[in-house]
Amino acid sequence: MPDTKLFLPLSPRHLLFACVGYRLPQRGTTLSLTEAAFIRTMILNGANRYVFATNIQDIDEIKSRTVSRDLFDADAKLWAEWHESQSREEAEYPDL
């Protein structure tokens, strides 16, 4: 899909980036503060469970923290049953 942006944070100062249909930015390109803030916001909004950050100053303003025993228990149950459910799904997958 043209204009799709793909990025993967590698460290607090490095980001793997590509935009479909465009040439890659030159290696070593530094983002503007506006671009960096936008990407940081996208990472925070897309986070499902954990956010690892060296600067936690305004994370709560962008992505509020949810503390829930029910969510914790559901997540623990999901992981406890993961192997069994994956094995069952794989056994039911048709041979193509």
C-alpha atoms as a PDB file:
ATOM      1  CA  MET A   1       0.000   0.000   0.000  1.00  0.00           C
ATOM      2  CA  PRO A   2       1.691   3.266  -1.086  1.00  0.00           C
ATOM      3  CA  ASP A   3       2.604   5.777   1.628  1.00  0.00           C
ATOM      4  CA  THR A   4       2.520   3.086   4.322  1.00  0.00           C
ATOM      5  CA  LYS A   5       5.124   3.927   6.918  1.00  0.00           C
ATOM      6  CA  LEU A   6       6.947   1.121   8.708  1.00  0.00           C
ATOM      7  CA  PHE A   7       9.118   1.801  11.711  1.00  0.00           C
ATOM      8  CA  LEU A   8      10.805  -0.224  14.392  1.00  0.00           C
ATOM      9  CA  PRO A   9      12.483   1.409  17.375  1.00  0.00           C
ATOM     10  CA  LEU A  10      15.932  -0.118  17.851  1.00  0.00           C
ATOM     11  CA  SER A  11      17.129   2.021  20.751  1.00  0.00           C
ATOM     12  CA  PRO A  12      16.285   5.401  22.310  1.00  0.00           C
ATOM     13  CA  ARG A  13      18.245   7.090  19.504  1.00  0.00           C
ATOM     14  CA  HIS A  14      17.809   4.745  16.531  1.00  0.00           C
ATOM     15  CA  LEU A  15      14.791   3.858  14.409  1.00  0.00           C
ATOM     16  CA  LEU A  16      14.482   1.497  11.456  1.00  0.00           C
ATOM     17  CA  PHE A  17      12.197   3.285   8.982  1.00  0.00           C
ATOM     18  CA  ALA A  18      10.720   2.743   5.520  1.00  0.00           C
ATOM     19  CA  CYS A  19       7.900   4.308   3.543  1.00  0.00           C
ATOM     20  CA  VAL A  20       6.359   2.161   0.807  1.00  0.00           C
ATOM     21  CA  GLY A  21       6.866   3.700  -2.628  1.00  0.00           C
ATOM     22  CA  TYR A  22       9.638   6.120  -1.563  1.00  0.00           C
ATOM     23  CA  ARG A  23      13.404   5.971  -1.390  1.00  0.00           C
ATOM     24  CA  LEU A  24      14.863   5.394   2.031  1.00  0.00           C
ATOM     25  CA  PRO A  25      16.084   8.414   3.963  1.00  0.00           C
ATOM     26  CA  GLN A  26      19.856   8.717   3.956  1.00  0.00           C
ATOM     27  CA  ARG A  27      21.489   6.655   6.696  1.00  0.00           C
ATOM     28  CA  GLY A  28      22.100   8.801   9.753  1.00  0.00           C
ATOM     29  CA  THR A  29      19.178  11.146   9.047  1.00  0.00           C
ATOM     30  CA  THR A  30      18.040  12.926  12.204  1.00  0.00           C
ATOM     31  CA  LEU A  31      14.339  13.568  12.710  1.00  0.00           C
ATOM     32  CA  SER A  32      12.955  16.943  13.637  1.00  0.00           C
ATOM     33  CA  LEU A  33      11.396  17.271  17.097  1.00  0.00           C
ATOM     34  CA  THR A  34       7.948  17.270  15.474  1.00  0.00           C
ATOM     35  CA  GLU A  35       8.655  14.036  13.545  1.00  0.00           C
ATOM     36  CA  ALA A  36      10.145  12.377  16.630  1.00  0.00           C
ATOM     37  CA  ALA A  37       7.135  13.377  18.756  1.00  0.00           C
ATOM     38  CA  PHE A  38       4.753  12.006  16.102  1.00  0.00           C
ATOM     39  CA  ILE A  39       6.526   8.635  15.957  1.00  0.00           C
ATOM     40  CA  ARG A  40       6.689   8.463  19.754  1.00  0.00           C
ATOM     41  CA  THR A  41       2.938   9.100  19.925  1.00  0.00           C
ATOM     42  CA  MET A  42       2.280   6.357  17.330  1.00  0.00           C
ATOM     43  CA  ILE A  43       4.403   3.890  19.312  1.00  0.00           C
ATOM     44  CA  LEU A  44       2.596   4.738  22.558  1.00  0.00           C
ATOM     45  CA  ASN A  45      -0.862   4.535  20.971  1.00  0.00           C
ATOM     46  CA  GLY A  46      -0.023   1.162  19.436  1.00  0.00           C
ATOM     47  CA  ALA A  47       1.369  -0.354  22.639  1.00  0.00           C
ATOM     48  CA  ASN A  48      -0.775  -3.198  23.950  1.00  0.00           C
ATOM     49  CA  ARG A  49       0.984  -4.137  27.172  1.00  0.00           C
ATOM     50  CA  TYR A  50       4.334  -2.521  27.817  1.00  0.00           C
ATOM     51  CA  VAL A  51       6.107   0.744  27.104  1.00  0.00           C
ATOM     52  CA  PHE A  52       9.861   0.856  27.581  1.00  0.00           C
ATOM     53  CA  ALA A  53      11.202   4.388  27.762  1.00  0.00           C
ATOM     54  CA  THR A  54      14.169   6.331  29.062  1.00  0.00           C
ATOM     55  CA  ASN A  55      12.012   9.439  29.429  1.00  0.00           C
ATOM     56  CA  ILE A  56       8.608   8.771  31.012  1.00  0.00           C
ATOM     57  CA  GLN A  57       7.760  12.436  31.471  1.00  0.00           C
ATOM     58  CA  ASP A  58       4.505  12.684  29.508  1.00  0.00           C
ATOM     59  CA  ILE A  59       3.613   9.068  28.705  1.00  0.00           C
ATOM     60  CA  ASP A  60       0.491   9.159  30.921  1.00  0.00           C
ATOM     61  CA  GLU A  61      -0.823  12.125  28.899  1.00  0.00           C
ATOM     62  CA  ILE A  62      -0.582  10.144  25.657  1.00  0.00           C
ATOM     63  CA  LYS A  63      -1.385   6.620  26.902  1.00  0.00           C
ATOM     64  CA  SER A  64      -3.043   6.298  30.270  1.00  0.00           C
ATOM     65  CA  ARG A  65      -2.093   3.372  32.474  1.00  0.00           C
ATOM     66  CA  THR A  66      -4.695   0.685  33.126  1.00  0.00           C
ATOM     67  CA  VAL A  67      -4.450  -1.353  36.311  1.00  0.00           C
ATOM     68  CA  SER A  68      -6.946  -4.212  36.325  1.00  0.00           C
ATOM     69  CA  ARG A  69      -6.886  -7.506  38.161  1.00  0.00           C
ATOM     70  CA  ASP A  70      -9.365  -8.923  35.639  1.00  0.00           C
ATOM     71  CA  LEU A  71      -7.119  -8.036  32.678  1.00  0.00           C
ATOM     72  CA  PHE A  72      -4.092  -9.440  34.502  1.00  0.00           C
ATOM     73  CA  ASP A  73      -5.895 -12.716  35.269  1.00  0.00           C
ATOM     74  CA  ALA A  74      -7.203 -13.025  31.695  1.00  0.00           C
ATOM     75  CA  ASP A  75      -3.690 -12.450  30.318  1.00  0.00           C
ATOM     76  CA  ALA A  76      -2.186 -15.033  32.695  1.00  0.00           C
ATOM     77  CA  LYS A  77      -4.869 -17.565  31.662  1.00  0.00           C
ATOM     78  CA  LEU A  78      -4.215 -16.886  27.971  1.00  0.00           C
ATOM     79  CA  TRP A  79      -0.492 -17.575  28.372  1.00  0.00           C
ATOM     80  CA  ALA A  80      -1.069 -20.641  30.569  1.00  0.00           C
ATOM     81  CA  GLU A  81      -3.279 -22.165  27.839  1.00  0.00           C
ATOM     82  CA  TRP A  82      -1.229 -20.908  24.886  1.00  0.00           C
ATOM     83  CA  HIS A  83       0.600 -24.139  24.019  1.00  0.00           C
ATOM     84  CA  GLU A  84      -2.541 -26.253  24.181  1.00  0.00           C
ATOM     85  CA  SER A  85      -4.614 -23.852  22.066  1.00  0.00           C
ATOM     86  CA  GLN A  86      -1.844 -23.419  19.464  1.00  0.00           C
ATOM     87  CA  SER A  87      -1.345 -27.177  19.206  1.00  0.00           C
ATOM     88  CA  ARG A  88      -5.095 -27.648  18.706  1.00  0.00           C
ATOM     89  CA  GLU A  89      -5.209 -24.941  16.017  1.00  0.00           C
ATOM     90  CA  GLU A  90      -2.209 -26.431  14.197  1.00  0.00           C
ATOM     91  CA  ALA A  91      -3.782 -29.922  14.270  1.00  0.00           C
ATOM     92  CA  GLU A  92      -6.963 -28.528  12.685  1.00  0.00           C
ATOM     93  CA  TYR A  93      -5.117 -26.570   9.981  1.00  0.00           C
ATOM     94  CA  PRO A  94      -5.706 -28.129   6.562  1.00  0.00           C
ATOM     95  CA  ASP A  95      -2.774 -29.545   4.618  1.00  0.00           C
ATOM     96  CA  LEU A  96      -2.585 -27.483   1.453  1.00  0.00           C
END
